[in-house]
Amino acid sequence: MCQTPTLLDPNNRRTGNFLPEVAHPYAEFQRANYHVDFASLSGDTPYLDDLESAADPDNLAF
């Protein structure tokens, strides 16, 4: 289950899921041959934060 709010505080800063916190567990589940489904309460695609770390192999594969 992923969070879907995309605005944080009265300044409307964007927020979302921290990429490594999603990508690294996902990679471990995939390596263990688990099927992973993603869902959000609103049905929206969650915003991914920290795309600067995309150079990490697990983040990049995600």
C-alpha atoms as a PDB file:
ATOM      1  CA  MET A   1       0.000   0.000   0.000  1.00  0.00           C
ATOM      2  CA  CYS A   2       1.438   3.369  -0.984  1.00  0.00           C
ATOM      3  CA  GLN A   3       0.488   6.802   0.186  1.00  0.00           C
ATOM      4  CA  THR A   4      -1.127   9.076  -2.369  1.00  0.00           C
ATOM      5  CA  PRO A   5      -1.221  12.601  -0.909  1.00  0.00           C
ATOM      6  CA  THR A   6       0.934  14.734  -3.172  1.00  0.00           C
ATOM      7  CA  LEU A   7       0.777  18.045  -1.326  1.00  0.00           C
ATOM      8  CA  LEU A   8       2.322  18.670   2.061  1.00  0.00           C
ATOM      9  CA  ASP A   9       1.680  21.523   4.474  1.00  0.00           C
ATOM     10  CA  PRO A  10       0.114  24.938   3.734  1.00  0.00           C
ATOM     11  CA  ASN A  11       2.887  25.697   1.197  1.00  0.00           C
ATOM     12  CA  ASN A  12       1.691  22.828  -1.043  1.00  0.00           C
ATOM     13  CA  ARG A  13       5.136  21.227  -1.306  1.00  0.00           C
ATOM     14  CA  ARG A  14       5.034  17.952  -3.257  1.00  0.00           C
ATOM     15  CA  THR A  15       5.528  14.772  -1.309  1.00  0.00           C
ATOM     16  CA  GLY A  16       5.299  11.107  -2.046  1.00  0.00           C
ATOM     17  CA  ASN A  17       7.025   7.783  -1.566  1.00  0.00           C
ATOM     18  CA  PHE A  18      10.784   7.861  -1.046  1.00  0.00           C
ATOM     19  CA  LEU A  19      12.131   5.957  -4.073  1.00  0.00           C
ATOM     20  CA  PRO A  20      14.653   3.754  -2.200  1.00  0.00           C
ATOM     21  CA  GLU A  21      12.007   2.777   0.376  1.00  0.00           C
ATOM     22  CA  VAL A  22       9.879   1.353  -2.425  1.00  0.00           C
ATOM     23  CA  ALA A  23      12.500   0.174  -4.929  1.00  0.00           C
ATOM     24  CA  HIS A  24      14.777  -1.742  -2.548  1.00  0.00           C
ATOM     25  CA  PRO A  25      12.099  -3.937  -0.921  1.00  0.00           C
ATOM     26  CA  TYR A  26      10.550  -4.447  -4.371  1.00  0.00           C
ATOM     27  CA  ALA A  27      13.901  -5.683  -5.700  1.00  0.00           C
ATOM     28  CA  GLU A  28      14.270  -8.104  -2.784  1.00  0.00           C
ATOM     29  CA  PHE A  29      10.778  -9.508  -3.319  1.00  0.00           C
ATOM     30  CA  GLN A  30      11.460  -9.891  -7.050  1.00  0.00           C
ATOM     31  CA  ARG A  31      14.739 -11.714  -6.348  1.00  0.00           C
ATOM     32  CA  ALA A  32      12.790 -14.082  -4.082  1.00  0.00           C
ATOM     33  CA  ASN A  33      10.307 -14.692  -6.943  1.00  0.00           C
ATOM     34  CA  TYR A  34       7.371 -12.942  -5.279  1.00  0.00           C
ATOM     35  CA  HIS A  35       4.791 -11.137  -7.403  1.00  0.00           C
ATOM     36  CA  VAL A  36       4.284  -7.580  -6.177  1.00  0.00           C
ATOM     37  CA  ASP A  37       1.136  -5.517  -6.750  1.00  0.00           C
ATOM     38  CA  PHE A  38       0.896  -1.819  -5.905  1.00  0.00           C
ATOM     39  CA  ALA A  39      -2.297  -0.175  -4.725  1.00  0.00           C
ATOM     40  CA  SER A  40      -3.339   3.232  -3.471  1.00  0.00           C
ATOM     41  CA  LEU A  41      -6.464   4.194  -1.585  1.00  0.00           C
ATOM     42  CA  SER A  42      -7.431   6.814  -4.168  1.00  0.00           C
ATOM     43  CA  GLY A  43      -6.433   4.787  -7.232  1.00  0.00           C
ATOM     44  CA  ASP A  44      -3.934   7.480  -8.263  1.00  0.00           C
ATOM     45  CA  THR A  45      -0.324   6.783  -9.159  1.00  0.00           C
ATOM     46  CA  PRO A  46       1.768   7.766  -6.139  1.00  0.00           C
ATOM     47  CA  TYR A  47       4.414  10.439  -6.609  1.00  0.00           C
ATOM     48  CA  LEU A  48       8.000   9.193  -6.226  1.00  0.00           C
ATOM     49  CA  ASP A  49      10.367  11.371  -4.237  1.00  0.00           C
ATOM     50  CA  ASP A  50      14.196  11.341  -4.357  1.00  0.00           C
ATOM     51  CA  LEU A  51      14.596  10.531  -8.035  1.00  0.00           C
ATOM     52  CA  GLU A  52      18.142  11.893  -7.634  1.00  0.00           C
ATOM     53  CA  SER A  53      19.074   8.442  -6.269  1.00  0.00           C
ATOM     54  CA  ALA A  54      17.969   6.763  -9.483  1.00  0.00           C
ATOM     55  CA  ALA A  55      21.586   5.835 -10.273  1.00  0.00           C
ATOM     56  CA  ASP A  56      21.402   3.101  -7.597  1.00  0.00           C
ATOM     57  CA  PRO A  57      20.909  -0.250  -9.422  1.00  0.00           C
ATOM     58  CA  ASP A  58      17.701  -1.225  -7.567  1.00  0.00           C
ATOM     59  CA  ASN A  59      16.232   2.268  -7.998  1.00  0.00           C
ATOM     60  CA  LEU A  60      17.141   2.297 -11.682  1.00  0.00           C
ATOM     61  CA  ALA A  61      15.555  -1.119 -12.272  1.00  0.00           C
ATOM     62  CA  PHE A  62      12.372   0.031 -10.553  1.00  0.00           C
END
